[in-house]
């Protein structure tokens, strides 16, 4: 009789615990939602700056350093949730008016743990900020300037893009 009571008590507790189980709804990560909205979200560059580690040196326009043409500065970056697709569209200032508006289709991914943004499967970018109205990411680099024969100065820092949502 003791065994039956223990078994019955155990089964009752098991049923009670099972009936209290909360149903969890799987929702996308917050960073992903900020980047794509519910389905997709478009972003447009507001600046691309090289920020030196030495705070005595003022930041400079990285578009000139890396040779980004003016016609590419108004391109639209559309992050699509479905399949983690990134589509880059030509802005109003077209580099080649004969090309389609869709310039590139590739993938994206975010790793929250170390704040990395992957675009197109290449090396990760450093995700510095992602809010509903601001996307900031970049990469570490060192600018090298020759000063004399076989003498160079190195200027480490971060090349950083800033984007805002596109209308």
N, C-alpha and C. Protein backbone atom coordinates (compact mmCIF):
# COMPACT_ATOMS: atom_id res chain seq x y z
N UNK A 1 0.80 -1.18 0.00
CA UNK A 1 0.00 0.00 0.00
C UNK A 1 0.85 1.27 0.00
N UNK A 2 2.00 1.19 0.73
CA UNK A 2 2.89 2.33 0.78
C UNK A 2 3.41 2.68 -0.61
N UNK A 3 3.76 1.66 -1.39
CA UNK A 3 4.30 1.89 -2.73
C UNK A 3 3.24 2.56 -3.60
N UNK A 4 2.01 2.13 -3.50
CA UNK A 4 0.94 2.73 -4.31
C UNK A 4 0.76 4.20 -3.96
N UNK A 5 0.78 4.52 -2.67
CA UNK A 5 0.61 5.91 -2.25
C UNK A 5 1.77 6.76 -2.77
N UNK A 6 2.99 6.24 -2.68
CA UNK A 6 4.16 6.98 -3.18
C UNK A 6 4.08 7.16 -4.69
N UNK A 7 3.69 6.11 -5.39
CA UNK A 7 3.56 6.18 -6.84
C UNK A 7 2.48 7.17 -7.22
N UNK A 8 1.35 7.11 -6.53
CA UNK A 8 0.24 8.01 -6.80
C UNK A 8 0.64 9.46 -6.51
N UNK A 9 1.36 9.68 -5.42
CA UNK A 9 1.83 11.02 -5.07
C UNK A 9 2.81 11.54 -6.13
N UNK A 10 3.72 10.67 -6.57
CA UNK A 10 4.70 11.05 -7.59
C UNK A 10 4.00 11.42 -8.89
N UNK A 11 3.06 10.61 -9.32
CA UNK A 11 2.32 10.89 -10.56
C UNK A 11 1.52 12.18 -10.45
N UNK A 12 0.95 12.45 -9.26
CA UNK A 12 0.19 13.69 -9.05
C UNK A 12 1.09 14.90 -9.18
N UNK A 13 2.26 14.82 -8.57
CA UNK A 13 3.22 15.94 -8.66
C UNK A 13 3.68 16.12 -10.10
N UNK A 14 3.93 15.04 -10.80
CA UNK A 14 4.35 15.10 -12.19
C UNK A 14 3.28 15.75 -13.06
N UNK A 15 2.03 15.36 -12.86
CA UNK A 15 0.92 15.96 -13.61
C UNK A 15 0.78 17.44 -13.29
N UNK A 16 0.93 17.78 -12.03
CA UNK A 16 0.83 19.17 -11.61
C UNK A 16 1.93 20.01 -12.25
N UNK A 17 3.15 19.53 -12.24
CA UNK A 17 4.26 20.26 -12.86
C UNK A 17 4.07 20.39 -14.36
N UNK A 18 3.61 19.34 -14.99
CA UNK A 18 3.41 19.36 -16.44
C UNK A 18 2.30 20.33 -16.83
N UNK A 19 1.25 20.42 -16.03
CA UNK A 19 0.14 21.31 -16.36
C UNK A 19 0.52 22.77 -16.15
N UNK A 20 1.54 23.05 -15.36
CA UNK A 20 1.97 24.43 -15.11
C UNK A 20 3.01 24.90 -16.11
N UNK A 21 3.36 24.06 -17.05
CA UNK A 21 4.40 24.41 -18.02
C UNK A 21 3.94 25.60 -18.87
N UNK A 22 4.79 26.63 -18.92
CA UNK A 22 4.48 27.83 -19.68
C UNK A 22 4.82 27.62 -21.16
N UNK A 23 3.94 28.05 -22.02
CA UNK A 23 4.19 27.96 -23.46
C UNK A 23 5.07 29.14 -23.87
N UNK A 24 6.19 28.86 -24.51
CA UNK A 24 7.10 29.91 -24.95
C UNK A 24 6.93 30.13 -26.44
N UNK A 25 6.85 31.39 -26.79
CA UNK A 25 6.78 31.75 -28.20
C UNK A 25 8.16 32.18 -28.64
N UNK A 26 8.66 31.60 -29.71
CA UNK A 26 9.98 31.93 -30.22
C UNK A 26 9.88 33.25 -30.96
N UNK A 27 10.69 34.22 -30.53
CA UNK A 27 10.73 35.52 -31.20
C UNK A 27 12.16 35.79 -31.65
N UNK A 28 12.32 36.53 -32.74
CA UNK A 28 13.67 36.84 -33.21
C UNK A 28 14.44 37.67 -32.18
N UNK A 29 15.75 37.61 -32.24
CA UNK A 29 16.60 38.36 -31.33
C UNK A 29 16.36 39.86 -31.52
N UNK A 30 16.54 40.60 -30.44
CA UNK A 30 16.29 42.03 -30.47
C UNK A 30 17.14 42.72 -31.52
N UNK A 31 18.44 42.39 -31.59
CA UNK A 31 19.29 43.03 -32.60
C UNK A 31 18.76 42.79 -34.00
N UNK A 32 18.35 41.58 -34.28
CA UNK A 32 17.81 41.28 -35.61
C UNK A 32 16.57 42.11 -35.90
N UNK A 33 15.69 42.25 -34.92
CA UNK A 33 14.49 43.06 -35.10
C UNK A 33 14.84 44.52 -35.34
N UNK A 34 15.83 45.04 -34.65
CA UNK A 34 16.25 46.42 -34.87
C UNK A 34 16.81 46.61 -36.27
N UNK A 35 17.52 45.60 -36.76
CA UNK A 35 18.15 45.69 -38.08
C UNK A 35 17.14 45.55 -39.21
N UNK A 36 16.17 44.65 -39.06
CA UNK A 36 15.27 44.32 -40.17
C UNK A 36 13.83 44.78 -39.98
N UNK A 37 13.47 45.20 -38.78
CA UNK A 37 12.06 45.41 -38.51
C UNK A 37 11.37 44.05 -38.54
N UNK A 38 10.05 44.05 -38.70
CA UNK A 38 9.32 42.78 -38.71
C UNK A 38 9.66 41.92 -39.91
N UNK A 39 9.89 42.54 -41.08
CA UNK A 39 10.19 41.77 -42.29
C UNK A 39 11.43 42.29 -43.02
N UNK A 40 11.54 43.61 -43.15
CA UNK A 40 12.70 44.21 -43.82
C UNK A 40 12.81 45.67 -43.42
N UNK A 41 14.04 46.19 -43.54
CA UNK A 41 14.27 47.58 -43.18
C UNK A 41 15.44 48.09 -44.02
N UNK A 42 15.29 49.31 -44.54
CA UNK A 42 16.32 49.91 -45.37
C UNK A 42 17.09 50.97 -44.59
N UNK A 43 18.39 51.02 -44.85
CA UNK A 43 19.30 51.95 -44.18
C UNK A 43 20.10 52.72 -45.22
N UNK A 44 20.47 53.95 -44.88
CA UNK A 44 21.28 54.78 -45.78
C UNK A 44 22.44 55.38 -44.98
N UNK A 45 23.61 55.38 -45.59
CA UNK A 45 24.82 55.88 -44.93
C UNK A 45 24.71 57.38 -44.67
N UNK A 46 25.10 57.79 -43.46
CA UNK A 46 25.21 59.22 -43.17
C UNK A 46 26.67 59.65 -43.07
N UNK A 47 27.54 58.70 -42.72
CA UNK A 47 28.97 59.03 -42.67
C UNK A 47 29.81 57.75 -42.67
N UNK A 48 31.06 57.92 -43.09
CA UNK A 48 32.06 56.86 -43.01
C UNK A 48 33.33 57.57 -42.57
N UNK A 49 33.77 57.32 -41.34
CA UNK A 49 34.83 58.09 -40.71
C UNK A 49 35.92 57.18 -40.19
N UNK A 50 37.16 57.63 -40.33
CA UNK A 50 38.28 56.94 -39.68
C UNK A 50 38.54 57.66 -38.38
N UNK A 51 38.40 56.92 -37.27
CA UNK A 51 38.59 57.48 -35.94
C UNK A 51 39.90 56.92 -35.38
N UNK A 52 40.86 57.80 -35.17
CA UNK A 52 42.18 57.39 -34.72
C UNK A 52 42.16 57.01 -33.24
N UNK A 53 43.00 56.03 -32.88
CA UNK A 53 43.16 55.67 -31.47
C UNK A 53 43.73 56.85 -30.69
N UNK A 54 44.60 57.61 -31.32
CA UNK A 54 45.20 58.80 -30.70
C UNK A 54 44.16 59.91 -30.75
N UNK A 55 43.62 60.27 -29.61
CA UNK A 55 42.55 61.27 -29.56
C UNK A 55 43.03 62.67 -29.93
N UNK A 56 44.33 62.86 -30.03
CA UNK A 56 44.88 64.16 -30.43
C UNK A 56 44.70 64.39 -31.94
N UNK A 57 44.46 63.30 -32.68
CA UNK A 57 44.28 63.39 -34.12
C UNK A 57 42.79 63.37 -34.43
N UNK A 58 42.33 64.36 -35.18
CA UNK A 58 40.91 64.44 -35.52
C UNK A 58 40.50 63.34 -36.49
N UNK A 59 39.27 62.84 -36.36
CA UNK A 59 38.75 61.85 -37.32
C UNK A 59 38.73 62.46 -38.73
N UNK A 60 38.84 61.60 -39.74
CA UNK A 60 38.80 62.08 -41.13
C UNK A 60 37.79 61.26 -41.93
N UNK A 61 37.41 61.81 -43.06
CA UNK A 61 36.45 61.15 -43.97
C UNK A 61 37.11 59.90 -44.55
N UNK A 62 36.58 58.74 -44.20
CA UNK A 62 37.16 57.47 -44.66
C UNK A 62 36.82 57.18 -46.11
N UNK A 63 35.81 57.83 -46.68
CA UNK A 63 35.48 57.63 -48.09
C UNK A 63 36.69 57.97 -48.97
N UNK A 64 37.40 59.03 -48.60
CA UNK A 64 38.59 59.41 -49.39
C UNK A 64 39.74 58.43 -49.19
N UNK A 65 39.90 57.92 -47.98
CA UNK A 65 40.99 56.98 -47.69
C UNK A 65 40.80 55.69 -48.48
N UNK A 66 39.57 55.18 -48.48
CA UNK A 66 39.31 53.88 -49.09
C UNK A 66 38.79 53.99 -50.52
N UNK A 67 38.75 55.19 -51.08
CA UNK A 67 38.39 55.38 -52.48
C UNK A 67 36.93 55.11 -52.81
N UNK A 68 36.01 55.42 -51.90
CA UNK A 68 34.59 55.22 -52.16
C UNK A 68 34.10 56.39 -53.02
N UNK A 69 33.57 56.11 -54.21
CA UNK A 69 33.12 57.20 -55.08
C UNK A 69 31.87 57.90 -54.52
N UNK A 70 31.73 59.18 -54.82
CA UNK A 70 30.58 59.96 -54.34
C UNK A 70 29.25 59.33 -54.74
N UNK A 71 29.22 58.69 -55.92
CA UNK A 71 27.96 58.12 -56.40
C UNK A 71 27.50 56.93 -55.56
N UNK A 72 28.36 56.37 -54.74
CA UNK A 72 27.99 55.22 -53.90
C UNK A 72 27.53 55.63 -52.51
N UNK A 73 27.63 56.91 -52.19
CA UNK A 73 27.34 57.36 -50.83
C UNK A 73 25.86 57.38 -50.49
N UNK A 74 24.99 57.35 -51.50
CA UNK A 74 23.55 57.37 -51.21
C UNK A 74 22.87 56.03 -51.48
N UNK A 75 23.66 54.96 -51.60
CA UNK A 75 23.08 53.63 -51.83
C UNK A 75 22.22 53.21 -50.64
N UNK A 76 21.24 52.37 -50.89
CA UNK A 76 20.30 51.91 -49.88
C UNK A 76 20.63 50.45 -49.55
N UNK A 77 20.77 50.16 -48.26
CA UNK A 77 21.06 48.82 -47.76
C UNK A 77 19.79 48.27 -47.13
N UNK A 78 19.17 47.28 -47.77
CA UNK A 78 17.93 46.70 -47.27
C UNK A 78 18.23 45.34 -46.63
N UNK A 79 17.99 45.27 -45.32
CA UNK A 79 18.18 44.03 -44.57
C UNK A 79 16.84 43.32 -44.50
N UNK A 80 16.79 42.10 -45.06
CA UNK A 80 15.57 41.31 -45.11
C UNK A 80 15.67 40.19 -44.08
N UNK A 81 14.64 40.07 -43.24
CA UNK A 81 14.64 39.03 -42.19
C UNK A 81 14.63 37.64 -42.79
N UNK A 82 13.72 37.37 -43.73
CA UNK A 82 13.56 36.05 -44.36
C UNK A 82 14.86 35.66 -45.05
N UNK A 83 15.51 34.62 -44.58
CA UNK A 83 16.74 34.14 -45.20
C UNK A 83 17.95 34.99 -44.92
N UNK A 84 17.82 36.00 -44.04
CA UNK A 84 18.92 36.91 -43.70
C UNK A 84 19.62 37.42 -44.96
N UNK A 85 18.83 38.05 -45.83
CA UNK A 85 19.35 38.60 -47.08
C UNK A 85 19.63 40.09 -46.94
N UNK A 86 20.71 40.53 -47.56
CA UNK A 86 21.05 41.95 -47.67
C UNK A 86 21.01 42.31 -49.15
N UNK A 87 20.23 43.33 -49.47
CA UNK A 87 20.15 43.82 -50.85
C UNK A 87 20.63 45.26 -50.85
N UNK A 88 21.57 45.57 -51.75
CA UNK A 88 22.10 46.93 -51.86
C UNK A 88 21.60 47.52 -53.17
N UNK A 89 20.92 48.67 -53.04
CA UNK A 89 20.33 49.33 -54.20
C UNK A 89 21.05 50.64 -54.49
N UNK A 90 21.16 50.97 -55.76
CA UNK A 90 21.73 52.23 -56.19
C UNK A 90 20.83 53.37 -55.73
N UNK A 91 21.40 54.39 -55.16
CA UNK A 91 20.63 55.56 -54.75
C UNK A 91 20.34 56.46 -55.94
N UNK A 92 19.94 57.68 -55.68
CA UNK A 92 19.62 58.64 -56.74
C UNK A 92 20.84 59.02 -57.57
N UNK A 93 22.00 59.10 -56.93
CA UNK A 93 23.25 59.45 -57.61
C UNK A 93 23.89 58.16 -58.12
N UNK A 94 23.49 57.73 -59.30
CA UNK A 94 23.90 56.42 -59.83
C UNK A 94 25.33 56.46 -60.39
N UNK A 95 26.10 55.44 -60.05
CA UNK A 95 27.45 55.32 -60.58
C UNK A 95 27.41 54.93 -62.06
N UNK A 96 26.45 54.09 -62.44
CA UNK A 96 26.27 53.69 -63.83
C UNK A 96 24.77 53.67 -64.13
N UNK A 97 24.26 54.70 -64.80
CA UNK A 97 22.82 54.79 -65.05
C UNK A 97 22.25 53.61 -65.83
N UNK A 98 23.09 52.85 -66.55
CA UNK A 98 22.60 51.72 -67.34
C UNK A 98 22.38 50.46 -66.51
N UNK A 99 22.92 50.41 -65.29
CA UNK A 99 22.76 49.22 -64.43
C UNK A 99 21.40 49.19 -63.77
N UNK A 100 20.96 47.99 -63.37
CA UNK A 100 19.74 47.85 -62.57
C UNK A 100 19.95 48.53 -61.22
N UNK A 101 18.84 48.85 -60.57
CA UNK A 101 18.94 49.47 -59.24
C UNK A 101 19.52 48.53 -58.20
N UNK A 102 19.22 47.21 -58.31
CA UNK A 102 19.78 46.24 -57.37
C UNK A 102 21.24 45.98 -57.75
N UNK A 103 22.14 46.38 -56.87
CA UNK A 103 23.57 46.23 -57.14
C UNK A 103 24.12 44.90 -56.65
N UNK A 104 23.70 44.49 -55.44
CA UNK A 104 24.26 43.30 -54.81
C UNK A 104 23.17 42.64 -53.96
N UNK A 105 23.16 41.32 -53.96
CA UNK A 105 22.34 40.54 -53.02
C UNK A 105 23.29 39.56 -52.34
N UNK A 106 23.31 39.61 -51.01
CA UNK A 106 24.20 38.74 -50.25
C UNK A 106 23.52 38.40 -48.92
N UNK A 107 24.28 37.91 -47.98
CA UNK A 107 23.70 37.50 -46.69
C UNK A 107 24.21 38.40 -45.58
N UNK A 108 23.55 38.32 -44.44
CA UNK A 108 24.00 39.02 -43.24
C UNK A 108 23.76 38.11 -42.03
N UNK A 109 24.47 38.40 -40.95
CA UNK A 109 24.25 37.70 -39.69
C UNK A 109 24.80 38.56 -38.57
N UNK A 110 24.22 38.43 -37.39
CA UNK A 110 24.68 39.14 -36.20
C UNK A 110 25.00 38.10 -35.14
N UNK A 111 26.15 38.27 -34.49
CA UNK A 111 26.49 37.46 -33.34
C UNK A 111 26.50 38.40 -32.15
N UNK A 112 25.45 38.33 -31.33
CA UNK A 112 25.29 39.26 -30.21
C UNK A 112 26.39 39.15 -29.17
N UNK A 113 26.87 37.94 -28.93
CA UNK A 113 27.81 37.70 -27.83
C UNK A 113 29.06 38.57 -27.96
N UNK A 114 29.56 38.75 -29.16
CA UNK A 114 30.75 39.57 -29.34
C UNK A 114 30.49 40.76 -30.27
N UNK A 115 29.22 41.11 -30.47
CA UNK A 115 28.81 42.28 -31.24
C UNK A 115 29.46 42.32 -32.63
N UNK A 116 29.35 41.22 -33.34
CA UNK A 116 29.89 41.15 -34.71
C UNK A 116 28.75 41.15 -35.72
N UNK A 117 28.97 41.87 -36.80
CA UNK A 117 28.04 41.92 -37.92
C UNK A 117 28.76 41.32 -39.13
N UNK A 118 28.18 40.28 -39.69
CA UNK A 118 28.77 39.63 -40.86
C UNK A 118 27.96 40.05 -42.09
N UNK A 119 28.63 40.52 -43.11
CA UNK A 119 27.99 40.90 -44.37
C UNK A 119 28.64 40.11 -45.49
N UNK A 120 27.87 39.28 -46.15
CA UNK A 120 28.38 38.52 -47.28
C UNK A 120 29.32 37.40 -46.92
N UNK A 121 29.36 36.99 -45.67
CA UNK A 121 30.19 35.86 -45.28
C UNK A 121 31.66 36.17 -45.09
N UNK A 122 32.06 37.42 -45.20
CA UNK A 122 33.46 37.78 -45.02
C UNK A 122 33.83 37.96 -43.57
N UNK A 123 34.90 38.69 -43.34
CA UNK A 123 35.34 38.98 -41.98
C UNK A 123 34.27 39.78 -41.24
N UNK A 124 34.16 39.58 -39.94
CA UNK A 124 33.12 40.30 -39.20
C UNK A 124 33.46 41.78 -39.02
N UNK A 125 32.42 42.58 -39.00
CA UNK A 125 32.54 43.99 -38.65
C UNK A 125 32.22 44.12 -37.17
N UNK A 126 32.73 45.17 -36.55
CA UNK A 126 32.46 45.44 -35.15
C UNK A 126 31.15 46.23 -35.09
N UNK A 127 30.15 45.66 -34.46
CA UNK A 127 28.87 46.33 -34.33
C UNK A 127 28.95 47.25 -33.11
N UNK A 128 29.05 48.56 -33.35
CA UNK A 128 29.23 49.52 -32.27
C UNK A 128 27.91 49.99 -31.68
N UNK A 129 26.88 50.08 -32.54
CA UNK A 129 25.59 50.57 -32.06
C UNK A 129 24.50 50.10 -33.01
N UNK A 130 23.39 49.66 -32.44
CA UNK A 130 22.22 49.31 -33.24
C UNK A 130 20.99 49.65 -32.42
N UNK A 131 20.28 50.67 -32.88
CA UNK A 131 19.03 51.07 -32.26
C UNK A 131 18.00 51.14 -33.38
N UNK A 132 16.80 51.54 -33.03
CA UNK A 132 15.74 51.64 -34.04
C UNK A 132 16.08 52.67 -35.12
N UNK A 133 16.89 53.68 -34.77
CA UNK A 133 17.18 54.74 -35.73
C UNK A 133 18.67 54.98 -35.99
N UNK A 134 19.52 54.01 -35.61
CA UNK A 134 20.96 54.17 -35.84
C UNK A 134 21.66 52.82 -35.95
N UNK A 135 22.46 52.68 -36.99
CA UNK A 135 23.28 51.49 -37.20
C UNK A 135 24.72 51.97 -37.37
N UNK A 136 25.61 51.51 -36.50
CA UNK A 136 27.01 51.91 -36.55
C UNK A 136 27.87 50.65 -36.48
N UNK A 137 28.70 50.46 -37.51
CA UNK A 137 29.62 49.33 -37.50
C UNK A 137 30.90 49.73 -38.21
N UNK A 138 31.96 48.96 -37.99
CA UNK A 138 33.24 49.31 -38.59
C UNK A 138 34.25 48.20 -38.47
N UNK A 139 35.51 48.55 -38.71
CA UNK A 139 36.59 47.58 -38.62
C UNK A 139 37.86 48.30 -38.18
N UNK A 140 38.74 47.56 -37.52
CA UNK A 140 40.03 48.11 -37.10
C UNK A 140 40.97 48.13 -38.30
N UNK A 141 41.78 49.18 -38.37
CA UNK A 141 42.75 49.31 -39.45
C UNK A 141 43.89 50.19 -38.96
N UNK A 142 44.97 50.19 -39.69
CA UNK A 142 46.10 51.06 -39.40
C UNK A 142 46.48 51.79 -40.68
N UNK A 143 46.41 53.12 -40.62
CA UNK A 143 46.85 53.93 -41.75
C UNK A 143 48.35 54.11 -41.63
N UNK A 144 49.04 54.00 -42.77
CA UNK A 144 50.50 54.12 -42.78
C UNK A 144 50.88 55.28 -43.68
N UNK A 145 51.67 56.20 -43.12
CA UNK A 145 52.10 57.38 -43.87
C UNK A 145 53.63 57.40 -43.97
N UNK A 146 54.16 57.49 -45.20
CA UNK A 146 55.62 57.60 -45.34
C UNK A 146 56.07 58.99 -44.91
N UNK A 147 57.18 59.05 -44.16
CA UNK A 147 57.72 60.34 -43.72
C UNK A 147 59.14 60.56 -44.21
N UNK A 148 59.84 59.51 -44.57
CA UNK A 148 61.20 59.61 -45.10
C UNK A 148 61.54 58.27 -45.74
N UNK A 149 62.74 58.17 -46.32
CA UNK A 149 63.15 56.91 -46.93
C UNK A 149 63.07 55.79 -45.89
N UNK A 150 62.27 54.79 -46.19
CA UNK A 150 62.11 53.60 -45.35
C UNK A 150 61.62 53.91 -43.93
N UNK A 151 60.99 55.07 -43.75
CA UNK A 151 60.43 55.42 -42.45
C UNK A 151 58.93 55.69 -42.63
N UNK A 152 58.14 55.10 -41.77
CA UNK A 152 56.70 55.24 -41.87
C UNK A 152 56.11 55.51 -40.48
N UNK A 153 55.03 56.25 -40.46
CA UNK A 153 54.26 56.42 -39.24
C UNK A 153 53.01 55.58 -39.36
N UNK A 154 52.66 54.93 -38.28
CA UNK A 154 51.44 54.12 -38.26
C UNK A 154 50.39 54.81 -37.39
N UNK A 155 49.17 54.83 -37.91
CA UNK A 155 48.06 55.46 -37.20
C UNK A 155 46.91 54.45 -37.07
N UNK A 156 46.88 53.69 -35.96
CA UNK A 156 45.78 52.72 -35.79
C UNK A 156 44.48 53.42 -35.42
N UNK A 157 43.39 52.75 -35.76
CA UNK A 157 42.09 53.30 -35.42
C UNK A 157 40.97 52.41 -35.94
N UNK A 158 39.79 52.99 -36.06
CA UNK A 158 38.61 52.27 -36.52
C UNK A 158 37.97 53.04 -37.67
N UNK A 159 37.73 52.34 -38.77
CA UNK A 159 36.93 52.90 -39.87
C UNK A 159 35.49 52.54 -39.55
N UNK A 160 34.63 53.56 -39.46
CA UNK A 160 33.28 53.32 -38.93
C UNK A 160 32.20 53.98 -39.80
N UNK A 161 31.21 53.15 -40.18
CA UNK A 161 30.05 53.64 -40.93
C UNK A 161 28.94 53.98 -39.95
N UNK A 162 28.18 55.01 -40.28
CA UNK A 162 26.96 55.35 -39.54
C UNK A 162 25.81 55.38 -40.56
N UNK A 163 24.73 54.69 -40.21
CA UNK A 163 23.54 54.63 -41.08
C UNK A 163 22.32 55.08 -40.31
N UNK A 164 21.35 55.58 -41.04
CA UNK A 164 20.04 55.92 -40.48
C UNK A 164 19.01 55.19 -41.34
N UNK A 165 17.81 54.97 -40.79
CA UNK A 165 16.77 54.32 -41.62
C UNK A 165 16.46 55.17 -42.86
N UNK A 166 16.26 54.52 -43.95
CA UNK A 166 15.93 55.18 -45.21
C UNK A 166 14.41 55.25 -45.35
N UNK A 167 13.93 56.33 -45.89
CA UNK A 167 12.46 56.47 -46.08
C UNK A 167 11.99 55.70 -47.27
